[in-house]
């Protein structure tokens, strides 16, 4: 197995979950992210901006596909940590919670700010486990 396949393998393993969500009418976006935790969180809010703009554009194939009142977020590991921060904010880095996020699922998140994570005000699920 090459180094590249090690990096991509977790993303490939998540495809069935994303396909299942999409099959139920959920617009599902998979985003590669920066190694910088602050940039990673900012990118998530930027992605929401772009998708909402596309959904509002009558000439775009995503026109009226996204309900702005029903935006959810999920992520695994570092992406899960970014999703936690996008949902809760990160005061130490000047990042406010993205109030457009209405629900979240975090898979084994790398918690960037436990104090801020305690302020999540939307329904969320945290999943994790131990490997021996």
N, C-alpha and C. Protein backbone atom coordinates (compact mmCIF):
# COMPACT_ATOMS: atom_id res chain seq x y z
N UNK A 1 0.86 -1.17 0.00
CA UNK A 1 0.00 0.00 0.00
C UNK A 1 0.90 1.24 0.00
N UNK A 2 0.62 2.18 -0.87
CA UNK A 2 1.43 3.40 -0.97
C UNK A 2 0.94 4.43 0.05
N UNK A 3 1.76 5.43 0.28
CA UNK A 3 1.39 6.49 1.22
C UNK A 3 0.10 7.18 0.77
N UNK A 4 -0.05 7.38 -0.53
CA UNK A 4 -1.26 8.02 -1.05
C UNK A 4 -2.52 7.23 -0.76
N UNK A 5 -2.42 5.91 -0.87
CA UNK A 5 -3.61 5.09 -0.62
C UNK A 5 -3.95 5.05 0.86
N UNK A 6 -2.95 5.18 1.72
CA UNK A 6 -3.22 5.25 3.16
C UNK A 6 -4.03 6.49 3.47
N UNK A 7 -3.70 7.60 2.84
CA UNK A 7 -4.41 8.86 3.07
C UNK A 7 -5.84 8.78 2.53
N UNK A 8 -6.01 8.20 1.36
CA UNK A 8 -7.33 8.17 0.72
C UNK A 8 -8.24 7.08 1.27
N UNK A 9 -7.69 6.04 1.87
CA UNK A 9 -8.51 4.92 2.30
C UNK A 9 -9.67 5.32 3.21
N UNK A 10 -9.46 6.15 4.26
CA UNK A 10 -10.61 6.54 5.10
C UNK A 10 -11.70 7.25 4.30
N UNK A 11 -11.32 8.06 3.32
CA UNK A 11 -12.32 8.76 2.51
C UNK A 11 -13.11 7.76 1.66
N UNK A 12 -12.42 6.77 1.12
CA UNK A 12 -13.09 5.76 0.31
C UNK A 12 -14.05 4.94 1.16
N UNK A 13 -13.63 4.61 2.38
CA UNK A 13 -14.48 3.83 3.27
C UNK A 13 -15.75 4.57 3.66
N UNK A 14 -15.74 5.89 3.58
CA UNK A 14 -16.90 6.69 3.93
C UNK A 14 -17.91 6.84 2.79
N UNK A 15 -17.51 6.47 1.57
CA UNK A 15 -18.40 6.66 0.42
C UNK A 15 -19.76 6.01 0.58
N UNK A 16 -19.88 4.77 1.10
CA UNK A 16 -21.23 4.20 1.25
C UNK A 16 -22.14 5.06 2.13
N UNK A 17 -21.60 5.66 3.19
CA UNK A 17 -22.41 6.53 4.04
C UNK A 17 -22.88 7.75 3.26
N UNK A 18 -21.98 8.35 2.49
CA UNK A 18 -22.35 9.54 1.72
C UNK A 18 -23.37 9.18 0.63
N UNK A 19 -23.20 8.03 0.01
CA UNK A 19 -24.16 7.59 -1.01
C UNK A 19 -25.53 7.34 -0.38
N UNK A 20 -25.55 6.76 0.81
CA UNK A 20 -26.83 6.53 1.50
C UNK A 20 -27.52 7.85 1.80
N UNK A 21 -26.77 8.81 2.30
CA UNK A 21 -27.37 10.12 2.59
C UNK A 21 -27.91 10.75 1.31
N UNK A 22 -27.13 10.72 0.25
CA UNK A 22 -27.57 11.30 -1.03
C UNK A 22 -28.81 10.59 -1.56
N UNK A 23 -28.89 9.27 -1.36
CA UNK A 23 -30.05 8.51 -1.86
C UNK A 23 -31.34 8.90 -1.15
N UNK A 24 -31.23 9.56 -0.01
CA UNK A 24 -32.40 10.03 0.74
C UNK A 24 -32.64 11.52 0.52
N UNK A 25 -32.02 12.07 -0.53
CA UNK A 25 -32.27 13.46 -0.89
C UNK A 25 -31.42 14.47 -0.15
N UNK A 26 -30.41 14.00 0.57
CA UNK A 26 -29.54 14.91 1.30
C UNK A 26 -28.39 15.33 0.38
N UNK A 27 -28.24 16.63 0.17
CA UNK A 27 -27.11 17.12 -0.61
C UNK A 27 -25.87 16.85 0.22
N UNK A 28 -24.96 16.06 -0.33
CA UNK A 28 -23.79 15.59 0.41
C UNK A 28 -22.53 16.09 -0.28
N UNK A 29 -21.69 16.78 0.47
CA UNK A 29 -20.46 17.34 -0.07
C UNK A 29 -19.29 16.76 0.72
N UNK A 30 -18.32 16.27 -0.01
CA UNK A 30 -17.11 15.74 0.62
C UNK A 30 -15.99 16.73 0.32
N UNK A 31 -15.40 17.28 1.38
CA UNK A 31 -14.37 18.30 1.21
C UNK A 31 -13.02 17.82 1.72
N UNK A 32 -12.02 17.92 0.87
CA UNK A 32 -10.65 17.71 1.33
C UNK A 32 -10.28 18.95 2.14
N UNK A 33 -9.42 18.79 3.13
CA UNK A 33 -9.16 19.95 3.98
C UNK A 33 -7.69 20.24 4.19
N UNK A 34 -7.45 21.46 4.62
CA UNK A 34 -6.11 21.97 4.89
C UNK A 34 -5.52 21.27 6.12
N UNK A 35 -4.21 21.26 6.20
CA UNK A 35 -3.53 20.76 7.40
C UNK A 35 -3.63 21.78 8.53
N UNK A 36 -3.97 23.02 8.22
CA UNK A 36 -4.10 24.07 9.22
C UNK A 36 -5.50 24.02 9.83
N UNK A 37 -5.63 23.78 11.15
CA UNK A 37 -6.96 23.63 11.76
C UNK A 37 -7.87 24.84 11.60
N UNK A 38 -7.32 26.05 11.69
CA UNK A 38 -8.15 27.25 11.55
C UNK A 38 -8.66 27.37 10.11
N UNK A 39 -7.78 27.15 9.14
CA UNK A 39 -8.19 27.19 7.73
C UNK A 39 -9.24 26.12 7.44
N UNK A 40 -9.07 24.96 8.04
CA UNK A 40 -10.01 23.85 7.84
C UNK A 40 -11.43 24.26 8.25
N UNK A 41 -11.55 24.94 9.40
CA UNK A 41 -12.86 25.37 9.88
C UNK A 41 -13.42 26.47 8.98
N UNK A 42 -12.59 27.43 8.63
CA UNK A 42 -13.05 28.52 7.75
C UNK A 42 -13.51 27.97 6.40
N UNK A 43 -12.83 26.96 5.91
CA UNK A 43 -13.22 26.36 4.63
C UNK A 43 -14.62 25.75 4.70
N UNK A 44 -14.99 25.18 5.84
CA UNK A 44 -16.32 24.59 5.96
C UNK A 44 -17.41 25.65 5.82
N UNK A 45 -17.23 26.78 6.50
CA UNK A 45 -18.22 27.86 6.37
C UNK A 45 -18.23 28.44 4.96
N UNK A 46 -17.06 28.54 4.34
CA UNK A 46 -16.97 29.01 2.96
C UNK A 46 -17.70 28.05 2.02
N UNK A 47 -17.58 26.77 2.25
CA UNK A 47 -18.27 25.78 1.44
C UNK A 47 -19.78 25.92 1.56
N UNK A 48 -20.25 26.18 2.77
CA UNK A 48 -21.69 26.43 2.96
C UNK A 48 -22.11 27.67 2.19
N UNK A 49 -21.30 28.73 2.25
CA UNK A 49 -21.59 29.97 1.48
C UNK A 49 -21.75 29.65 0.00
N UNK A 50 -20.81 28.91 -0.56
CA UNK A 50 -20.81 28.60 -1.99
C UNK A 50 -22.04 27.77 -2.36
N UNK A 51 -22.34 26.76 -1.56
CA UNK A 51 -23.49 25.91 -1.88
C UNK A 51 -24.81 26.67 -1.77
N UNK A 52 -24.94 27.53 -0.79
CA UNK A 52 -26.17 28.33 -0.67
C UNK A 52 -26.30 29.31 -1.83
N UNK A 53 -25.18 29.88 -2.27
CA UNK A 53 -25.22 30.79 -3.42
C UNK A 53 -25.64 30.03 -4.68
N UNK A 54 -25.10 28.83 -4.84
CA UNK A 54 -25.49 28.02 -6.01
C UNK A 54 -26.96 27.63 -5.95
N UNK A 55 -27.45 27.31 -4.77
CA UNK A 55 -28.85 26.94 -4.61
C UNK A 55 -29.80 28.10 -4.90
N UNK A 56 -29.31 29.33 -4.73
CA UNK A 56 -30.12 30.53 -4.99
C UNK A 56 -30.05 31.00 -6.43
N UNK A 57 -29.17 30.41 -7.24
CA UNK A 57 -28.96 30.84 -8.63
C UNK A 57 -29.82 30.01 -9.58
N UNK A 58 -30.83 30.65 -10.22
CA UNK A 58 -31.72 29.90 -11.12
C UNK A 58 -30.99 29.20 -12.28
N UNK A 59 -29.81 29.64 -12.63
CA UNK A 59 -29.07 29.02 -13.72
C UNK A 59 -28.16 27.88 -13.28
N UNK A 60 -28.13 27.58 -12.00
CA UNK A 60 -27.23 26.55 -11.48
C UNK A 60 -27.97 25.21 -11.33
N UNK A 61 -27.31 24.10 -11.62
CA UNK A 61 -27.95 22.78 -11.45
C UNK A 61 -28.39 22.51 -10.00
N UNK A 62 -27.81 23.20 -9.02
CA UNK A 62 -28.20 23.02 -7.62
C UNK A 62 -29.34 23.96 -7.21
N UNK A 63 -29.94 24.68 -8.17
CA UNK A 63 -30.99 25.65 -7.86
C UNK A 63 -32.08 25.01 -7.00
N UNK A 64 -32.34 25.63 -5.86
CA UNK A 64 -33.36 25.22 -4.89
C UNK A 64 -33.16 23.80 -4.37
N UNK A 65 -31.95 23.30 -4.38
CA UNK A 65 -31.67 21.95 -3.86
C UNK A 65 -31.32 21.95 -2.38
N UNK A 66 -30.96 23.09 -1.84
CA UNK A 66 -30.49 23.14 -0.47
C UNK A 66 -31.43 24.00 0.36
N UNK A 67 -31.94 23.42 1.43
CA UNK A 67 -32.79 24.15 2.36
C UNK A 67 -31.87 24.80 3.40
N UNK A 68 -31.74 26.12 3.38
CA UNK A 68 -30.82 26.78 4.31
C UNK A 68 -31.17 26.57 5.78
N UNK A 69 -32.38 26.15 6.07
CA UNK A 69 -32.79 25.91 7.45
C UNK A 69 -32.47 24.49 7.91
N UNK A 70 -31.90 23.67 7.01
CA UNK A 70 -31.65 22.26 7.35
C UNK A 70 -30.23 21.85 6.95
N UNK A 71 -29.25 22.57 7.44
CA UNK A 71 -27.86 22.27 7.12
C UNK A 71 -27.26 21.46 8.26
N UNK A 72 -26.67 20.34 7.91
CA UNK A 72 -25.99 19.50 8.87
C UNK A 72 -24.53 19.37 8.49
N UNK A 73 -23.73 18.87 9.42
CA UNK A 73 -22.30 18.72 9.16
C UNK A 73 -21.82 17.44 9.84
N UNK A 74 -20.81 16.82 9.25
CA UNK A 74 -20.18 15.67 9.90
C UNK A 74 -18.72 15.63 9.48
N UNK A 75 -17.97 14.85 10.20
CA UNK A 75 -16.57 14.68 9.87
C UNK A 75 -15.95 13.61 10.73
N UNK A 76 -14.83 13.10 10.27
CA UNK A 76 -14.11 12.07 11.01
C UNK A 76 -12.70 12.56 11.33
N UNK A 77 -12.23 12.27 12.52
CA UNK A 77 -10.89 12.60 12.98
C UNK A 77 -10.66 14.11 12.90
N UNK A 78 -9.65 14.55 12.13
CA UNK A 78 -9.39 15.99 12.02
C UNK A 78 -10.58 16.72 11.40
N UNK A 79 -11.25 16.07 10.45
CA UNK A 79 -12.46 16.66 9.87
C UNK A 79 -13.59 16.74 10.88
N UNK A 80 -13.64 15.75 11.77
CA UNK A 80 -14.62 15.78 12.86
C UNK A 80 -14.35 16.92 13.81
N UNK A 81 -13.07 17.15 14.10
CA UNK A 81 -12.69 18.28 14.94
C UNK A 81 -13.08 19.60 14.31
N UNK A 82 -12.85 19.71 13.00
CA UNK A 82 -13.24 20.93 12.28
C UNK A 82 -14.75 21.11 12.32
N UNK A 83 -15.50 20.02 12.19
CA UNK A 83 -16.96 20.09 12.25
C UNK A 83 -17.42 20.51 13.65
N UNK A 84 -16.75 20.02 14.70
CA UNK A 84 -17.06 20.45 16.06
C UNK A 84 -16.88 21.96 16.18
N UNK A 85 -15.74 22.46 15.71
CA UNK A 85 -15.45 23.89 15.83
C UNK A 85 -16.40 24.72 14.97
N UNK A 86 -16.72 24.25 13.77
CA UNK A 86 -17.68 24.98 12.93
C UNK A 86 -19.03 25.09 13.63
N UNK A 87 -19.37 24.07 14.41
CA UNK A 87 -20.65 24.04 15.12
C UNK A 87 -20.62 24.82 16.42
N UNK A 88 -19.47 24.83 17.10
CA UNK A 88 -19.39 25.46 18.43
C UNK A 88 -18.64 26.77 18.46
N UNK A 89 -17.74 26.99 17.49
CA UNK A 89 -16.85 28.14 17.53
C UNK A 89 -15.55 27.76 18.23
N UNK A 90 -14.58 28.66 18.14
CA UNK A 90 -13.27 28.46 18.77
C UNK A 90 -12.78 29.82 19.19
N UNK A 91 -13.16 30.24 20.39
CA UNK A 91 -12.91 31.60 20.87
C UNK A 91 -11.44 31.99 20.81
N UNK A 92 -10.55 31.07 21.16
CA UNK A 92 -9.13 31.38 21.19
C UNK A 92 -8.58 31.77 19.82
N UNK A 93 -9.26 31.37 18.77
CA UNK A 93 -8.82 31.70 17.41
C UNK A 93 -9.78 32.63 16.68
N UNK A 94 -10.71 33.22 17.43
CA UNK A 94 -11.63 34.19 16.85
C UNK A 94 -12.64 33.61 15.89
N UNK A 95 -12.94 32.32 16.03
CA UNK A 95 -13.92 31.67 15.14
C UNK A 95 -15.25 31.53 15.86
N UNK A 96 -16.29 32.11 15.28
CA UNK A 96 -17.64 31.98 15.84
C UNK A 96 -18.30 30.73 15.28
N UNK A 97 -19.24 30.21 16.01
CA UNK A 97 -20.03 29.08 15.52
C UNK A 97 -20.78 29.51 14.26
N UNK A 98 -20.89 28.60 13.31
CA UNK A 98 -21.67 28.88 12.10
C UNK A 98 -23.13 28.57 12.43
N UNK A 99 -23.91 29.61 12.62
CA UNK A 99 -25.30 29.45 13.07
C UNK A 99 -26.19 28.77 12.03
N UNK A 100 -25.69 28.58 10.82
CA UNK A 100 -26.49 27.90 9.78
C UNK A 100 -26.51 26.39 10.01
N UNK A 101 -25.56 25.88 10.79
CA UNK A 101 -25.49 24.44 11.06
C UNK A 101 -26.55 24.09 12.09
N UNK A 102 -27.44 23.17 11.74
CA UNK A 102 -28.58 22.83 12.60
C UNK A 102 -28.48 21.45 13.24
N UNK A 103 -27.53 20.62 12.80
CA UNK A 103 -27.33 19.29 13.37
C UNK A 103 -25.94 18.81 12.97
N UNK A 104 -25.38 17.88 13.76
CA UNK A 104 -24.02 17.43 13.46
C UNK A 104 -23.78 16.00 13.93
N UNK A 105 -22.87 15.32 13.22
CA UNK A 105 -22.39 14.00 13.61
C UNK A 105 -20.87 14.06 13.54
N UNK A 106 -20.23 13.71 14.65
CA UNK A 106 -18.78 13.74 14.73
C UNK A 106 -18.27 12.32 14.94
N UNK A 107 -17.38 11.86 14.06
CA UNK A 107 -16.82 10.52 14.16
C UNK A 107 -15.38 10.62 14.68
N UNK A 108 -15.15 10.13 15.88
CA UNK A 108 -13.83 10.15 16.49
C UNK A 108 -13.12 11.50 16.25
N UNK A 109 -13.76 12.60 16.66
CA UNK A 109 -13.19 13.91 16.36
C UNK A 109 -11.94 14.22 17.17
N UNK A 110 -11.01 14.89 16.53
CA UNK A 110 -9.88 15.48 17.23
C UNK A 110 -10.43 16.77 17.82
N UNK A 111 -10.61 16.80 19.13
CA UNK A 111 -11.22 17.97 19.76
C UNK A 111 -10.19 19.08 19.84
N UNK A 112 -10.47 20.17 19.15
CA UNK A 112 -9.56 21.31 19.11
C UNK A 112 -9.76 22.22 20.31
N UNK A 113 -10.97 22.30 20.82
CA UNK A 113 -11.26 23.16 21.96
C UNK A 113 -12.40 22.55 22.75
N UNK A 114 -12.05 21.82 23.80
CA UNK A 114 -13.07 21.16 24.61
C UNK A 114 -14.00 22.17 25.27
N UNK A 115 -13.45 23.31 25.70
CA UNK A 115 -14.28 24.34 26.33
C UNK A 115 -15.35 24.84 25.36
N UNK A 116 -14.96 25.10 24.13
CA UNK A 116 -15.93 25.57 23.13
C UNK A 116 -16.90 24.47 22.73
N UNK A 117 -16.42 23.23 22.64
CA UNK A 117 -17.28 22.12 22.24
C UNK A 117 -18.45 21.96 23.20
N UNK A 118 -18.25 22.34 24.45
CA UNK A 118 -19.32 22.25 25.44
C UNK A 118 -20.45 23.24 25.21
N UNK A 119 -20.27 24.15 24.27
CA UNK A 119 -21.30 25.18 24.02
C UNK A 119 -22.18 24.86 22.81
N UNK A 120 -22.05 23.66 22.25
CA UNK A 120 -22.87 23.31 21.07
C UNK A 120 -24.34 23.35 21.46
N UNK A 121 -25.12 24.05 20.65
CA UNK A 121 -26.54 24.26 20.96
C UNK A 121 -27.48 23.57 19.98
N UNK A 122 -26.96 22.75 19.08
CA UNK A 122 -27.81 22.04 18.13
C UNK A 122 -27.72 20.54 18.42
N UNK A 123 -28.67 19.75 17.94
CA UNK A 123 -28.57 18.30 18.14
C UNK A 123 -27.30 17.76 17.50
N UNK A 124 -26.59 16.90 18.23
CA UNK A 124 -25.37 16.31 17.68
C UNK A 124 -25.16 14.92 18.25
N UNK A 125 -24.35 14.15 17.55
CA UNK A 125 -23.99 12.79 17.95
C UNK A 125 -22.49 12.67 17.82
N UNK A 126 -21.84 12.15 18.85
CA UNK A 126 -20.41 11.89 18.80
C UNK A 126 -20.22 10.38 18.82
N UNK A 127 -19.48 9.85 17.85
CA UNK A 127 -19.21 8.43 17.81
C UNK A 127 -17.71 8.23 17.87
N UNK A 128 -17.29 7.23 18.61
CA UNK A 128 -15.86 6.94 18.72
C UNK A 128 -15.66 5.51 19.20
N UNK A 129 -14.43 5.17 19.34
CA UNK A 129 -14.14 3.83 19.80
C UNK A 129 -12.66 3.70 20.11
N UNK A 130 -12.30 2.55 20.56
CA UNK A 130 -10.91 2.27 20.88
C UNK A 130 -10.41 1.16 20.00
N UNK A 131 -9.18 1.28 19.57
CA UNK A 131 -8.55 0.23 18.80
C UNK A 131 -7.44 -0.36 19.64
N UNK A 132 -7.41 -1.67 19.75
CA UNK A 132 -6.35 -2.34 20.51
C UNK A 132 -5.41 -3.06 19.59
